[in-house]
Amino acid sequence: MDAIKCEADFYEEVQYVFDINFCFSNEYSFKRIKQSIKQLLTEYTREQILWFLNNNAAMMNRALDKKEPFPSEYNRVSYVLAIIKNNIRDYLINHPVPYKPAAPVEVNYYMPTVIKYRPSNKRRAMIDIENLGGD
């Protein structure tokens, strides 16, 4: 349940970044973005992808402004995704994601109780008893 919730939160945040910075209006375009982000998740973590998107939105907007108007929104989305795929590796090498230490985890454990082992009386053959007791 938590993994699904985290994934939904992640895609909401990605959609928020794309809506604010690139103003994609079509629902189909976000499906395309989601597919491409899923491919990136095989190589990078969610934190790294969000770090890149948040820090490079202005650079990607400048790249879109220099280009001639796109004939369709699909082409515009493809261009932005190509920028992301081509630049994310170099950016993460030069600007690593800041390390956030995890909150300390309390571990509850129970001390084992003292168990006194007492072997049970076993049946023995008469020869064993004679050997123990002597002659």
C-alpha atoms as a PDB file:
ATOM      1  CA  MET A   1       0.000   0.000   0.000  1.00  0.00           C
ATOM      2  CA  ASP A   2       2.785   2.432   0.919  1.00  0.00           C
ATOM      3  CA  ALA A   3       4.706   1.698  -2.281  1.00  0.00           C
ATOM      4  CA  ILE A   4       1.615   2.429  -4.378  1.00  0.00           C
ATOM      5  CA  LYS A   5       0.963   5.621  -2.429  1.00  0.00           C
ATOM      6  CA  CYS A   6       4.581   6.732  -2.866  1.00  0.00           C
ATOM      7  CA  GLU A   7       4.399   6.001  -6.579  1.00  0.00           C
ATOM      8  CA  ALA A   8       1.180   8.002  -6.902  1.00  0.00           C
ATOM      9  CA  ASP A   9       2.736  10.899  -4.969  1.00  0.00           C
ATOM     10  CA  PHE A  10       5.811  10.734  -7.179  1.00  0.00           C
ATOM     11  CA  TYR A  11       3.785  10.960 -10.400  1.00  0.00           C
ATOM     12  CA  GLU A  12       1.674  13.770  -8.940  1.00  0.00           C
ATOM     13  CA  GLU A  13       4.837  15.711  -8.218  1.00  0.00           C
ATOM     14  CA  VAL A  14       6.200  15.019 -11.710  1.00  0.00           C
ATOM     15  CA  GLN A  15       2.904  16.166 -13.220  1.00  0.00           C
ATOM     16  CA  TYR A  16       3.003  19.303 -11.068  1.00  0.00           C
ATOM     17  CA  VAL A  17       6.522  20.136 -12.289  1.00  0.00           C
ATOM     18  CA  PHE A  18       5.516  19.613 -15.916  1.00  0.00           C
ATOM     19  CA  ASP A  19       2.251  21.573 -15.586  1.00  0.00           C
ATOM     20  CA  ILE A  20       3.895  24.560 -13.928  1.00  0.00           C
ATOM     21  CA  ASN A  21       6.943  24.717 -16.158  1.00  0.00           C
ATOM     22  CA  PHE A  22       5.817  23.427 -19.549  1.00  0.00           C
ATOM     23  CA  CYS A  23       2.010  23.847 -19.535  1.00  0.00           C
ATOM     24  CA  PHE A  24       1.132  20.574 -21.208  1.00  0.00           C
ATOM     25  CA  SER A  25      -2.634  20.587 -21.586  1.00  0.00           C
ATOM     26  CA  ASN A  26      -3.323  17.181 -23.030  1.00  0.00           C
ATOM     27  CA  GLU A  27      -3.925  14.128 -20.802  1.00  0.00           C
ATOM     28  CA  TYR A  28      -2.294  11.983 -23.482  1.00  0.00           C
ATOM     29  CA  SER A  29       0.912  13.968 -23.116  1.00  0.00           C
ATOM     30  CA  PHE A  30       1.153  13.091 -19.422  1.00  0.00           C
ATOM     31  CA  LYS A  31       0.648   9.397 -20.248  1.00  0.00           C
ATOM     32  CA  ARG A  32       3.616   9.695 -22.581  1.00  0.00           C
ATOM     33  CA  ILE A  33       5.633  11.439 -19.874  1.00  0.00           C
ATOM     34  CA  LYS A  34       4.705   8.730 -17.366  1.00  0.00           C
ATOM     35  CA  GLN A  35       5.892   5.977 -19.737  1.00  0.00           C
ATOM     36  CA  SER A  36       9.182   7.726 -20.264  1.00  0.00           C
ATOM     37  CA  ILE A  37       9.675   8.344 -16.538  1.00  0.00           C
ATOM     38  CA  LYS A  38       9.047   4.628 -15.883  1.00  0.00           C
ATOM     39  CA  GLN A  39      11.923   3.845 -18.245  1.00  0.00           C
ATOM     40  CA  LEU A  40      14.136   6.296 -16.354  1.00  0.00           C
ATOM     41  CA  LEU A  41      13.217   4.614 -13.050  1.00  0.00           C
ATOM     42  CA  THR A  42      15.167   1.544 -14.139  1.00  0.00           C
ATOM     43  CA  GLU A  43      18.383   3.591 -13.957  1.00  0.00           C
ATOM     44  CA  TYR A  44      17.655   6.367 -11.461  1.00  0.00           C
ATOM     45  CA  THR A  45      15.776   6.754  -8.194  1.00  0.00           C
ATOM     46  CA  ARG A  46      12.681   8.882  -7.773  1.00  0.00           C
ATOM     47  CA  GLU A  47      14.628  11.430  -5.745  1.00  0.00           C
ATOM     48  CA  GLN A  48      17.223  11.823  -8.486  1.00  0.00           C
ATOM     49  CA  ILE A  49      14.593  12.346 -11.179  1.00  0.00           C
ATOM     50  CA  LEU A  50      12.689  14.928  -9.136  1.00  0.00           C
ATOM     51  CA  TRP A  51      15.955  16.663  -8.203  1.00  0.00           C
ATOM     52  CA  PHE A  52      16.838  16.956 -11.883  1.00  0.00           C
ATOM     53  CA  LEU A  53      13.370  18.160 -12.949  1.00  0.00           C
ATOM     54  CA  ASN A  54      13.130  20.784 -10.223  1.00  0.00           C
ATOM     55  CA  ASN A  55      16.619  22.167 -10.788  1.00  0.00           C
ATOM     56  CA  ASN A  56      16.603  22.166 -14.602  1.00  0.00           C
ATOM     57  CA  ALA A  57      13.130  23.409 -15.459  1.00  0.00           C
ATOM     58  CA  ALA A  58      14.465  26.827 -16.457  1.00  0.00           C
ATOM     59  CA  MET A  59      17.107  25.289 -18.746  1.00  0.00           C
ATOM     60  CA  MET A  60      14.484  23.131 -20.457  1.00  0.00           C
ATOM     61  CA  ASN A  61      12.167  26.147 -20.887  1.00  0.00           C
ATOM     62  CA  ARG A  62      14.984  28.097 -22.545  1.00  0.00           C
ATOM     63  CA  ALA A  63      15.560  25.175 -24.905  1.00  0.00           C
ATOM     64  CA  LEU A  64      11.863  25.148 -25.797  1.00  0.00           C
ATOM     65  CA  ASP A  65      11.840  28.909 -26.411  1.00  0.00           C
ATOM     66  CA  LYS A  66      14.800  28.740 -28.824  1.00  0.00           C
ATOM     67  CA  LYS A  67      13.100  26.099 -30.914  1.00  0.00           C
ATOM     68  CA  GLU A  68      10.545  27.034 -33.542  1.00  0.00           C
ATOM     69  CA  PRO A  69       6.932  26.388 -32.559  1.00  0.00           C
ATOM     70  CA  PHE A  70       6.190  22.690 -32.542  1.00  0.00           C
ATOM     71  CA  PRO A  71       3.534  21.372 -34.902  1.00  0.00           C
ATOM     72  CA  SER A  72       1.932  19.344 -32.128  1.00  0.00           C
ATOM     73  CA  GLU A  73       2.094  18.904 -28.402  1.00  0.00           C
ATOM     74  CA  TYR A  74       3.361  15.340 -28.916  1.00  0.00           C
ATOM     75  CA  ASN A  75       6.497  16.725 -30.577  1.00  0.00           C
ATOM     76  CA  ARG A  76       6.970  19.207 -27.765  1.00  0.00           C
ATOM     77  CA  VAL A  77       6.702  16.442 -25.124  1.00  0.00           C
ATOM     78  CA  SER A  78       9.128  14.261 -27.060  1.00  0.00           C
ATOM     79  CA  TYR A  79      11.623  17.121 -27.233  1.00  0.00           C
ATOM     80  CA  VAL A  80      11.454  17.728 -23.458  1.00  0.00           C
ATOM     81  CA  LEU A  81      11.826  14.003 -22.719  1.00  0.00           C
ATOM     82  CA  ALA A  82      14.848  13.812 -25.014  1.00  0.00           C
ATOM     83  CA  ILE A  83      16.431  16.697 -23.095  1.00  0.00           C
ATOM     84  CA  ILE A  84      15.805  14.874 -19.824  1.00  0.00           C
ATOM     85  CA  LYS A  85      17.187  11.537 -21.042  1.00  0.00           C
ATOM     86  CA  ASN A  86      20.297  13.140 -22.520  1.00  0.00           C
ATOM     87  CA  ASN A  87      21.165  15.430 -19.618  1.00  0.00           C
ATOM     88  CA  ILE A  88      20.183  13.602 -16.435  1.00  0.00           C
ATOM     89  CA  ARG A  89      23.297  11.415 -16.197  1.00  0.00           C
ATOM     90  CA  ASP A  90      25.736  14.311 -16.614  1.00  0.00           C
ATOM     91  CA  TYR A  91      23.802  16.490 -14.198  1.00  0.00           C
ATOM     92  CA  LEU A  92      23.672  13.841 -11.460  1.00  0.00           C
ATOM     93  CA  ILE A  93      27.403  13.192 -11.733  1.00  0.00           C
ATOM     94  CA  ASN A  94      28.196  16.897 -11.263  1.00  0.00           C
ATOM     95  CA  HIS A  95      25.367  17.695  -8.817  1.00  0.00           C
ATOM     96  CA  PRO A  96      24.580  14.681  -6.632  1.00  0.00           C
ATOM     97  CA  VAL A  97      21.312  14.569  -4.724  1.00  0.00           C
ATOM     98  CA  PRO A  98      21.843  15.846  -1.188  1.00  0.00           C
ATOM     99  CA  TYR A  99      21.917  13.059   1.343  1.00  0.00           C
ATOM    100  CA  LYS A 100      19.089  13.134   3.846  1.00  0.00           C
ATOM    101  CA  PRO A 101      19.767  10.810   6.735  1.00  0.00           C
ATOM    102  CA  ALA A 102      16.840   8.630   7.570  1.00  0.00           C
ATOM    103  CA  ALA A 103      15.129   9.013  10.900  1.00  0.00           C
ATOM    104  CA  PRO A 104      16.477   6.640  13.516  1.00  0.00           C
ATOM    105  CA  VAL A 105      14.496   3.462  13.684  1.00  0.00           C
ATOM    106  CA  GLU A 106      13.635   1.995  17.038  1.00  0.00           C
ATOM    107  CA  VAL A 107      13.954  -1.733  17.162  1.00  0.00           C
ATOM    108  CA  ASN A 108      11.900  -3.545  19.745  1.00  0.00           C
ATOM    109  CA  TYR A 109      13.281  -6.877  20.661  1.00  0.00           C
ATOM    110  CA  TYR A 110      12.663  -9.219  23.512  1.00  0.00           C
ATOM    111  CA  MET A 111      15.427 -10.713  25.588  1.00  0.00           C
ATOM    112  CA  PRO A 112      15.278 -14.474  25.643  1.00  0.00           C
ATOM    113  CA  THR A 113      14.047 -15.939  28.880  1.00  0.00           C
ATOM    114  CA  VAL A 114      16.372 -18.193  30.790  1.00  0.00           C
ATOM    115  CA  ILE A 115      15.451 -21.750  30.119  1.00  0.00           C
ATOM    116  CA  LYS A 116      17.072 -24.375  32.245  1.00  0.00           C
ATOM    117  CA  TYR A 117      17.639 -27.434  30.188  1.00  0.00           C
ATOM    118  CA  ARG A 118      17.094 -30.691  31.942  1.00  0.00           C
ATOM    119  CA  PRO A 119      17.506 -33.791  29.842  1.00  0.00           C
ATOM    120  CA  SER A 120      14.656 -36.242  30.104  1.00  0.00           C
ATOM    121  CA  ASN A 121      15.213 -39.730  31.405  1.00  0.00           C
ATOM    122  CA  LYS A 122      15.709 -42.066  28.515  1.00  0.00           C
ATOM    123  CA  ARG A 123      15.206 -45.765  28.474  1.00  0.00           C
ATOM    124  CA  ARG A 124      18.467 -47.598  28.512  1.00  0.00           C
ATOM    125  CA  ALA A 125      19.524 -51.084  27.966  1.00  0.00           C
ATOM    126  CA  MET A 126      20.704 -53.102  30.957  1.00  0.00           C
ATOM    127  CA  ILE A 127      24.260 -53.131  29.552  1.00  0.00           C
ATOM    128  CA  ASP A 128      24.426 -49.303  29.638  1.00  0.00           C
ATOM    129  CA  ILE A 129      23.312 -49.220  33.255  1.00  0.00           C
ATOM    130  CA  GLU A 130      25.888 -51.841  34.229  1.00  0.00           C
ATOM    131  CA  ASN A 131      28.610 -49.880  32.465  1.00  0.00           C
ATOM    132  CA  LEU A 132      27.665 -46.665  34.303  1.00  0.00           C
ATOM    133  CA  GLY A 133      27.391 -48.211  37.750  1.00  0.00           C
ATOM    134  CA  GLY A 134      30.490 -50.282  37.519  1.00  0.00           C
ATOM    135  CA  ASP A 135      30.869 -53.893  38.577  1.00  0.00           C
END
